[in-house]
Full PDB file with SEQRES, HELIX, SHEET, SSBOND, CRYST1, ORIGX, SCALE, CONECT and MASTER records, all heavy atoms in Angstrom:
SEQRES   1 A   31  ASP THR ALA VAL TYR TYR CYS ASN ALA TYR GLY ILE ASN          
SEQRES   2 A   31  SER LEU SER ARG PRO PHE ARG SER TRP GLY GLN GLY THR          
SEQRES   3 A   31  GLN VAL THR VAL SER                                          
SHEET    1 AA1 2 ALA A   3  TYR A   5  0                                        
SHEET    2 AA1 2 THR A  26  VAL A  28 -1                                        
SHEET    1 AA2 2 ASN A   8  ILE A  12  0                                        
SHEET    2 AA2 2 PRO A  18  TRP A  22 -1                                        
CRYST1    1.000    1.000    1.000  90.00  90.00  90.00 P 1           1          
ORIGX1      1.000000  0.000000  0.000000        0.00000                         
ORIGX2      0.000000  1.000000  0.000000        0.00000                         
ORIGX3      0.000000  0.000000  1.000000        0.00000                         
SCALE1      1.000000  0.000000  0.000000        0.00000                         
SCALE2      0.000000  1.000000  0.000000        0.00000                         
SCALE3      0.000000  0.000000  1.000000        0.00000                         
ATOM      1  N   ASP A   1      16.240   8.788   2.123  1.00  0.00           N  
ATOM      2  CA  ASP A   1      15.140   7.777   2.268  1.00  0.00           C  
ATOM      3  C   ASP A   1      13.962   8.338   3.013  1.00  0.00           C  
ATOM      4  O   ASP A   1      12.935   7.673   3.072  1.00  0.00           O  
ATOM      5  CB  ASP A   1      15.663   6.545   2.961  1.00  0.00           C  
ATOM      6  CG  ASP A   1      16.760   5.869   2.253  1.00  0.00           C  
ATOM      7  OD1 ASP A   1      16.746   5.798   0.964  1.00  0.00           O  
ATOM      8  OD2 ASP A   1      17.700   5.296   2.858  1.00  0.00           O  
ATOM      9  N   THR A   2      14.119   9.500   3.605  1.00  0.00           N  
ATOM     10  CA  THR A   2      12.998  10.100   4.338  1.00  0.00           C  
ATOM     11  C   THR A   2      11.782  10.300   3.462  1.00  0.00           C  
ATOM     12  O   THR A   2      11.876  10.941   2.439  1.00  0.00           O  
ATOM     13  CB  THR A   2      13.434  11.443   4.972  1.00  0.00           C  
ATOM     14  OG1 THR A   2      14.460  11.191   5.942  1.00  0.00           O  
ATOM     15  CG2 THR A   2      12.273  12.146   5.636  1.00  0.00           C  
ATOM     16  N   ALA A   3      10.652   9.700   3.893  1.00  0.00           N  
ATOM     17  CA  ALA A   3       9.468   9.749   3.082  1.00  0.00           C  
ATOM     18  C   ALA A   3       8.341   9.084   3.841  1.00  0.00           C  
ATOM     19  O   ALA A   3       8.544   8.461   4.819  1.00  0.00           O  
ATOM     20  CB  ALA A   3       9.682   8.994   1.725  1.00  0.00           C  
ATOM     21  N   VAL A   4       7.132   9.261   3.312  1.00  0.00           N  
ATOM     22  CA  VAL A   4       5.989   8.425   3.694  1.00  0.00           C  
ATOM     23  C   VAL A   4       6.032   7.210   2.831  1.00  0.00           C  
ATOM     24  O   VAL A   4       6.121   7.328   1.602  1.00  0.00           O  
ATOM     25  CB  VAL A   4       4.697   9.154   3.553  1.00  0.00           C  
ATOM     26  CG1 VAL A   4       3.520   8.255   3.989  1.00  0.00           C  
ATOM     27  CG2 VAL A   4       4.651  10.410   4.464  1.00  0.00           C  
ATOM     28  N   TYR A   5       5.978   6.045   3.452  1.00  0.00           N  
ATOM     29  CA  TYR A   5       6.014   4.784   2.727  1.00  0.00           C  
ATOM     30  C   TYR A   5       4.626   4.161   2.707  1.00  0.00           C  
ATOM     31  O   TYR A   5       3.975   3.979   3.742  1.00  0.00           O  
ATOM     32  CB  TYR A   5       7.029   3.820   3.347  1.00  0.00           C  
ATOM     33  CG  TYR A   5       8.432   4.213   3.027  1.00  0.00           C  
ATOM     34  CD1 TYR A   5       9.060   5.270   3.670  1.00  0.00           C  
ATOM     35  CD2 TYR A   5       9.170   3.477   2.093  1.00  0.00           C  
ATOM     36  CE1 TYR A   5      10.338   5.615   3.304  1.00  0.00           C  
ATOM     37  CE2 TYR A   5      10.455   3.819   1.731  1.00  0.00           C  
ATOM     38  CZ  TYR A   5      11.062   4.900   2.356  1.00  0.00           C  
ATOM     39  OH  TYR A   5      12.338   5.249   2.008  1.00  0.00           O  
ATOM     40  N   TYR A   6       4.181   3.823   1.532  1.00  0.00           N  
ATOM     41  CA  TYR A   6       2.822   3.255   1.318  1.00  0.00           C  
ATOM     42  C   TYR A   6       2.909   1.833   0.828  1.00  0.00           C  
ATOM     43  O   TYR A   6       3.772   1.488  -0.014  1.00  0.00           O  
ATOM     44  CB  TYR A   6       2.047   4.089   0.273  1.00  0.00           C  
ATOM     45  CG  TYR A   6       1.800   5.512   0.667  1.00  0.00           C  
ATOM     46  CD1 TYR A   6       2.671   6.533   0.341  1.00  0.00           C  
ATOM     47  CD2 TYR A   6       0.620   5.850   1.342  1.00  0.00           C  
ATOM     48  CE1 TYR A   6       2.430   7.834   0.691  1.00  0.00           C  
ATOM     49  CE2 TYR A   6       0.363   7.158   1.714  1.00  0.00           C  
ATOM     50  CZ  TYR A   6       1.272   8.135   1.381  1.00  0.00           C  
ATOM     51  OH  TYR A   6       1.017   9.445   1.737  1.00  0.00           O  
ATOM     52  N   CYS A   7       2.007   1.017   1.281  1.00  0.00           N  
ATOM     53  CA  CYS A   7       1.863  -0.358   0.879  1.00  0.00           C  
ATOM     54  C   CYS A   7       0.778  -0.431  -0.209  1.00  0.00           C  
ATOM     55  O   CYS A   7      -0.236   0.259  -0.078  1.00  0.00           O  
ATOM     56  CB  CYS A   7       1.524  -1.232   2.027  1.00  0.00           C  
ATOM     57  SG  CYS A   7       1.373  -2.980   1.605  1.00  0.00           S  
ATOM     58  N   ASN A   8       1.010  -1.251  -1.221  1.00  0.00           N  
ATOM     59  CA  ASN A   8       0.048  -1.440  -2.249  1.00  0.00           C  
ATOM     60  C   ASN A   8      -0.087  -2.941  -2.517  1.00  0.00           C  
ATOM     61  O   ASN A   8       0.911  -3.678  -2.474  1.00  0.00           O  
ATOM     62  CB  ASN A   8       0.451  -0.729  -3.535  1.00  0.00           C  
ATOM     63  CG  ASN A   8      -0.467  -1.046  -4.704  1.00  0.00           C  
ATOM     64  OD1 ASN A   8      -0.200  -1.961  -5.508  1.00  0.00           O  
ATOM     65  ND2 ASN A   8      -1.531  -0.271  -4.843  1.00  0.00           N  
ATOM     66  N   ALA A   9      -1.284  -3.396  -2.837  1.00  0.00           N  
ATOM     67  CA  ALA A   9      -1.500  -4.775  -3.171  1.00  0.00           C  
ATOM     68  C   ALA A   9      -2.546  -4.865  -4.257  1.00  0.00           C  
ATOM     69  O   ALA A   9      -3.482  -4.048  -4.311  1.00  0.00           O  
ATOM     70  CB  ALA A   9      -1.960  -5.603  -1.951  1.00  0.00           C  
ATOM     71  N   TYR A  10      -2.393  -5.865  -5.181  1.00  0.00           N  
ATOM     72  CA  TYR A  10      -3.372  -6.136  -6.125  1.00  0.00           C  
ATOM     73  C   TYR A  10      -3.529  -7.606  -6.264  1.00  0.00           C  
ATOM     74  O   TYR A  10      -2.640  -8.368  -6.005  1.00  0.00           O  
ATOM     75  CB  TYR A  10      -3.153  -5.472  -7.474  1.00  0.00           C  
ATOM     76  CG  TYR A  10      -2.013  -5.960  -8.308  1.00  0.00           C  
ATOM     77  CD1 TYR A  10      -2.207  -7.037  -9.206  1.00  0.00           C  
ATOM     78  CD2 TYR A  10      -0.758  -5.413  -8.220  1.00  0.00           C  
ATOM     79  CE1 TYR A  10      -1.173  -7.498 -10.001  1.00  0.00           C  
ATOM     80  CE2 TYR A  10       0.306  -5.890  -9.009  1.00  0.00           C  
ATOM     81  CZ  TYR A  10       0.087  -6.946  -9.882  1.00  0.00           C  
ATOM     82  OH  TYR A  10       1.115  -7.403 -10.648  1.00  0.00           O  
ATOM     83  N   GLY A  11      -4.764  -7.998  -6.666  1.00  0.00           N  
ATOM     84  CA  GLY A  11      -4.992  -9.436  -6.827  1.00  0.00           C  
ATOM     85  C   GLY A  11      -6.447  -9.646  -7.198  1.00  0.00           C  
ATOM     86  O   GLY A  11      -7.068  -8.857  -7.933  1.00  0.00           O  
ATOM     87  N   ILE A  12      -6.998 -10.765  -6.694  1.00  0.00           N  
ATOM     88  CA  ILE A  12      -8.364 -11.151  -6.979  1.00  0.00           C  
ATOM     89  C   ILE A  12      -9.127 -11.238  -5.660  1.00  0.00           C  
ATOM     90  O   ILE A  12      -8.656 -11.876  -4.727  1.00  0.00           O  
ATOM     91  CB  ILE A  12      -8.447 -12.530  -7.720  1.00  0.00           C  
ATOM     92  CG1 ILE A  12      -7.580 -12.451  -8.989  1.00  0.00           C  
ATOM     93  CG2 ILE A  12      -9.882 -12.884  -8.038  1.00  0.00           C  
ATOM     94  CD1 ILE A  12      -8.046 -11.468 -10.033  1.00  0.00           C  
ATOM     95  N   ASN A  13     -10.319 -10.599  -5.607  1.00  0.00           N  
ATOM     96  CA  ASN A  13     -11.111 -10.655  -4.379  1.00  0.00           C  
ATOM     97  C   ASN A  13     -12.021 -11.860  -4.360  1.00  0.00           C  
ATOM     98  O   ASN A  13     -11.974 -12.695  -5.254  1.00  0.00           O  
ATOM     99  CB  ASN A  13     -11.803  -9.331  -4.186  1.00  0.00           C  
ATOM    100  CG  ASN A  13     -12.914  -9.065  -5.174  1.00  0.00           C  
ATOM    101  OD1 ASN A  13     -13.346  -9.956  -5.897  1.00  0.00           O  
ATOM    102  ND2 ASN A  13     -13.367  -7.837  -5.248  1.00  0.00           N  
ATOM    103  N   SER A  14     -12.785 -11.923  -3.271  1.00  0.00           N  
ATOM    104  CA  SER A  14     -13.650 -13.080  -3.077  1.00  0.00           C  
ATOM    105  C   SER A  14     -14.783 -13.199  -4.062  1.00  0.00           C  
ATOM    106  O   SER A  14     -15.483 -14.235  -4.138  1.00  0.00           O  
ATOM    107  CB  SER A  14     -14.206 -13.095  -1.668  1.00  0.00           C  
ATOM    108  OG  SER A  14     -14.939 -11.887  -1.400  1.00  0.00           O  
ATOM    109  N   LEU A  15     -15.076 -12.123  -4.818  1.00  0.00           N  
ATOM    110  CA  LEU A  15     -16.047 -12.110  -5.877  1.00  0.00           C  
ATOM    111  C   LEU A  15     -15.409 -12.399  -7.248  1.00  0.00           C  
ATOM    112  O   LEU A  15     -16.067 -12.173  -8.275  1.00  0.00           O  
ATOM    113  CB  LEU A  15     -16.772 -10.778  -5.917  1.00  0.00           C  
ATOM    114  CG  LEU A  15     -17.607 -10.451  -4.690  1.00  0.00           C  
ATOM    115  CD1 LEU A  15     -18.209  -9.081  -4.781  1.00  0.00           C  
ATOM    116  CD2 LEU A  15     -18.655 -11.513  -4.405  1.00  0.00           C  
ATOM    117  N   SER A  16     -14.155 -12.849  -7.254  1.00  0.00           N  
ATOM    118  CA  SER A  16     -13.386 -13.185  -8.434  1.00  0.00           C  
ATOM    119  C   SER A  16     -13.147 -11.931  -9.295  1.00  0.00           C  
ATOM    120  O   SER A  16     -13.129 -12.079 -10.545  1.00  0.00           O  
ATOM    121  CB  SER A  16     -14.055 -14.277  -9.210  1.00  0.00           C  
ATOM    122  OG  SER A  16     -14.168 -15.501  -8.470  1.00  0.00           O  
ATOM    123  N   ARG A  17     -13.066 -10.806  -8.688  1.00  0.00           N  
ATOM    124  CA  ARG A  17     -12.804  -9.521  -9.396  1.00  0.00           C  
ATOM    125  C   ARG A  17     -11.473  -8.981  -8.974  1.00  0.00           C  
ATOM    126  O   ARG A  17     -11.020  -9.149  -7.831  1.00  0.00           O  
ATOM    127  CB  ARG A  17     -13.919  -8.507  -9.084  1.00  0.00           C  
ATOM    128  CG  ARG A  17     -15.284  -8.944  -9.631  1.00  0.00           C  
ATOM    129  CD  ARG A  17     -16.335  -7.869  -9.392  1.00  0.00           C  
ATOM    130  NE  ARG A  17     -17.621  -8.269  -9.877  1.00  0.00           N  
ATOM    131  CZ  ARG A  17     -18.000  -8.011 -11.084  1.00  0.00           C  
ATOM    132  NH1 ARG A  17     -17.195  -7.422 -12.007  1.00  0.00           N  
ATOM    133  NH2 ARG A  17     -19.245  -8.394 -11.472  1.00  0.00           N  
ATOM    134  N   PRO A  18     -10.789  -8.279  -9.864  1.00  0.00           N  
ATOM    135  CA  PRO A  18      -9.511  -7.700  -9.524  1.00  0.00           C  
ATOM    136  C   PRO A  18      -9.634  -6.563  -8.535  1.00  0.00           C  
ATOM    137  O   PRO A  18     -10.658  -5.862  -8.513  1.00  0.00           O  
ATOM    138  CB  PRO A  18      -8.941  -7.209 -10.849  1.00  0.00           C  
ATOM    139  CG  PRO A  18     -10.156  -6.968 -11.713  1.00  0.00           C  
ATOM    140  CD  PRO A  18     -11.161  -8.048 -11.284  1.00  0.00           C  
ATOM    141  N   PHE A  19      -8.672  -6.408  -7.698  1.00  0.00           N  
ATOM    142  CA  PHE A  19      -8.608  -5.298  -6.782  1.00  0.00           C  
ATOM    143  C   PHE A  19      -7.251  -4.655  -6.771  1.00  0.00           C  
ATOM    144  O   PHE A  19      -6.262  -5.365  -7.041  1.00  0.00           O  
ATOM    145  CB  PHE A  19      -9.074  -5.698  -5.334  1.00  0.00           C  
ATOM    146  CG  PHE A  19      -7.976  -6.541  -4.647  1.00  0.00           C  
ATOM    147  CD1 PHE A  19      -6.999  -5.886  -3.912  1.00  0.00           C  
ATOM    148  CD2 PHE A  19      -8.029  -7.894  -4.694  1.00  0.00           C  
ATOM    149  CE1 PHE A  19      -6.006  -6.669  -3.238  1.00  0.00           C  
ATOM    150  CE2 PHE A  19      -7.061  -8.668  -4.035  1.00  0.00           C  
ATOM    151  CZ  PHE A  19      -6.034  -8.066  -3.352  1.00  0.00           C  
ATOM    152  N   ARG A  20      -7.177  -3.401  -6.340  1.00  0.00           N  
ATOM    153  CA  ARG A  20      -5.957  -2.729  -6.056  1.00  0.00           C  
ATOM    154  C   ARG A  20      -6.225  -1.825  -4.879  1.00  0.00           C  
ATOM    155  O   ARG A  20      -7.125  -1.022  -4.906  1.00  0.00           O  
ATOM    156  CB  ARG A  20      -5.446  -1.925  -7.230  1.00  0.00           C  
ATOM    157  CG  ARG A  20      -4.092  -1.282  -6.972  1.00  0.00           C  
ATOM    158  CD  ARG A  20      -3.619  -0.430  -8.178  1.00  0.00           C  
ATOM    159  NE  ARG A  20      -3.406  -1.278  -9.365  1.00  0.00           N  
ATOM    160  CZ  ARG A  20      -2.280  -1.910  -9.620  1.00  0.00           C  
ATOM    161  NH1 ARG A  20      -1.239  -1.790  -8.817  1.00  0.00           N  
ATOM    162  NH2 ARG A  20      -2.174  -2.668 -10.753  1.00  0.00           N  
ATOM    163  N   SER A  21      -5.442  -1.985  -3.784  1.00  0.00           N  
ATOM    164  CA  SER A  21      -5.665  -1.248  -2.566  1.00  0.00           C  
ATOM    165  C   SER A  21      -4.382  -0.630  -2.056  1.00  0.00           C  
ATOM    166  O   SER A  21      -3.263  -1.087  -2.338  1.00  0.00           O  
ATOM    167  CB  SER A  21      -6.165  -2.183  -1.456  1.00  0.00           C  
ATOM    168  OG  SER A  21      -7.475  -2.715  -1.822  1.00  0.00           O  
ATOM    169  N   TRP A  22      -4.550   0.483  -1.338  1.00  0.00           N  
ATOM    170  CA  TRP A  22      -3.451   1.232  -0.754  1.00  0.00           C  
ATOM    171  C   TRP A  22      -3.615   1.306   0.767  1.00  0.00           C  
ATOM    172  O   TRP A  22      -4.743   1.401   1.265  1.00  0.00           O  
ATOM    173  CB  TRP A  22      -3.459   2.653  -1.280  1.00  0.00           C  
ATOM    174  CG  TRP A  22      -3.057   2.763  -2.718  1.00  0.00           C  
ATOM    175  CD1 TRP A  22      -3.807   2.783  -3.802  1.00  0.00           C  
ATOM    176  CD2 TRP A  22      -1.704   2.935  -3.197  1.00  0.00           C  
ATOM    177  NE1 TRP A  22      -3.098   2.943  -4.942  1.00  0.00           N  
ATOM    178  CE2 TRP A  22      -1.792   3.043  -4.643  1.00  0.00           C  
ATOM    179  CE3 TRP A  22      -0.417   3.011  -2.607  1.00  0.00           C  
ATOM    180  CZ2 TRP A  22      -0.644   3.178  -5.428  1.00  0.00           C  
ATOM    181  CZ3 TRP A  22       0.690   3.172  -3.407  1.00  0.00           C  
ATOM    182  CH2 TRP A  22       0.539   3.252  -4.787  1.00  0.00           C  
ATOM    183  N   GLY A  23      -2.486   1.347   1.454  1.00  0.00           N  
ATOM    184  CA  GLY A  23      -2.501   1.645   2.845  1.00  0.00           C  
ATOM    185  C   GLY A  23      -2.462   3.117   3.101  1.00  0.00           C  
ATOM    186  O   GLY A  23      -2.374   3.923   2.160  1.00  0.00           O  
ATOM    187  N   GLN A  24      -2.544   3.519   4.377  1.00  0.00           N  
ATOM    188  CA  GLN A  24      -2.551   4.947   4.723  1.00  0.00           C  
ATOM    189  C   GLN A  24      -1.178   5.533   4.788  1.00  0.00           C  
ATOM    190  O   GLN A  24      -1.017   6.764   4.762  1.00  0.00           O  
ATOM    191  CB  GLN A  24      -3.247   5.120   6.070  1.00  0.00           C  
ATOM    192  CG  GLN A  24      -4.767   4.858   5.975  1.00  0.00           C  
ATOM    193  CD  GLN A  24      -5.504   5.822   5.071  1.00  0.00           C  
ATOM    194  OE1 GLN A  24      -5.932   5.394   3.984  1.00  0.00           O  
ATOM    195  NE2 GLN A  24      -5.571   7.072   5.451  1.00  0.00           N  
ATOM    196  N   GLY A  25      -0.126   4.733   4.840  1.00  0.00           N  
ATOM    197  CA  GLY A  25       1.231   5.221   4.851  1.00  0.00           C  
ATOM    198  C   GLY A  25       1.809   5.260   6.250  1.00  0.00           C  
ATOM    199  O   GLY A  25       1.115   5.370   7.255  1.00  0.00           O  
ATOM    200  N   THR A  26       3.155   5.109   6.289  1.00  0.00           N  
ATOM    201  CA  THR A  26       3.888   5.237   7.542  1.00  0.00           C  
ATOM    202  C   THR A  26       5.080   6.091   7.293  1.00  0.00           C  
ATOM    203  O   THR A  26       5.835   5.953   6.285  1.00  0.00           O  
ATOM    204  CB  THR A  26       4.255   3.836   8.076  1.00  0.00           C  
ATOM    205  OG1 THR A  26       4.867   3.959   9.326  1.00  0.00           O  
ATOM    206  CG2 THR A  26       5.162   3.055   7.115  1.00  0.00           C  
ATOM    207  N   GLN A  27       5.420   7.008   8.236  1.00  0.00           N  
ATOM    208  CA  GLN A  27       6.415   7.979   8.023  1.00  0.00           C  
ATOM    209  C   GLN A  27       7.776   7.353   8.458  1.00  0.00           C  
ATOM    210  O   GLN A  27       7.921   6.723   9.493  1.00  0.00           O  
ATOM    211  CB  GLN A  27       6.217   9.208   8.901  1.00  0.00           C  
ATOM    212  CG  GLN A  27       7.293  10.246   8.883  1.00  0.00           C  
ATOM    213  CD  GLN A  27       7.393  10.951   7.573  1.00  0.00           C  
ATOM    214  OE1 GLN A  27       6.420  11.422   7.054  1.00  0.00           O  
ATOM    215  NE2 GLN A  27       8.647  11.041   7.012  1.00  0.00           N  
ATOM    216  N   VAL A  28       8.775   7.543   7.594  1.00  0.00           N  
ATOM    217  CA  VAL A  28      10.152   7.169   7.871  1.00  0.00           C  
ATOM    218  C   VAL A  28      11.017   8.438   7.771  1.00  0.00           C  
ATOM    219  O   VAL A  28      11.009   9.141   6.790  1.00  0.00           O  
ATOM    220  CB  VAL A  28      10.675   6.099   6.895  1.00  0.00           C  
ATOM    221  CG1 VAL A  28      12.223   5.926   7.060  1.00  0.00           C  
ATOM    222  CG2 VAL A  28       9.980   4.805   7.063  1.00  0.00           C  
ATOM    223  N   THR A  29      11.704   8.724   8.865  1.00  0.00           N  
ATOM    224  CA  THR A  29      12.557   9.907   8.947  1.00  0.00           C  
ATOM    225  C   THR A  29      13.962   9.444   9.300  1.00  0.00           C  
ATOM    226  O   THR A  29      14.206   8.771  10.290  1.00  0.00           O  
ATOM    227  CB  THR A  29      12.056  10.905   9.950  1.00  0.00           C  
ATOM    228  OG1 THR A  29      10.765  11.314   9.605  1.00  0.00           O  
ATOM    229  CG2 THR A  29      12.962  12.155   9.960  1.00  0.00           C  
ATOM    230  N   VAL A  30      14.941   9.844   8.477  1.00  0.00           N  
ATOM    231  CA  VAL A  30      16.321   9.466   8.671  1.00  0.00           C  
ATOM    232  C   VAL A  30      17.188  10.722   8.914  1.00  0.00           C  
ATOM    233  O   VAL A  30      17.195  11.609   8.055  1.00  0.00           O  
ATOM    234  CB  VAL A  30      16.917   8.706   7.459  1.00  0.00           C  
ATOM    235  CG1 VAL A  30      18.330   8.250   7.765  1.00  0.00           C  
ATOM    236  CG2 VAL A  30      15.995   7.508   7.151  1.00  0.00           C  
ATOM    237  N   SER A  31      17.754  10.797  10.039  1.00  0.00           N  
ATOM    238  CA  SER A  31      18.565  11.929  10.416  1.00  0.00           C  
ATOM    239  C   SER A  31      20.012  11.672  10.055  1.00  0.00           C  
ATOM    240  O   SER A  31      20.533  10.560  10.027  1.00  0.00           O  
ATOM    241  CB  SER A  31      18.461  12.215  11.913  1.00  0.00           C  
ATOM    242  OG  SER A  31      18.958  11.119  12.631  1.00  0.00           O  
TER     243      SER A  31                                                      
MASTER        0    0    0    0    4    0    0    6  242    1    0    3          
END                                                                             
């Protein structure tokens, strides 16, 4: 499971247009 984990979201913005955005990621390390 060790990886960088990224969040993604898509939807409609305040201008009634579609969006898709990514986070910067967070590291998960499993020993």
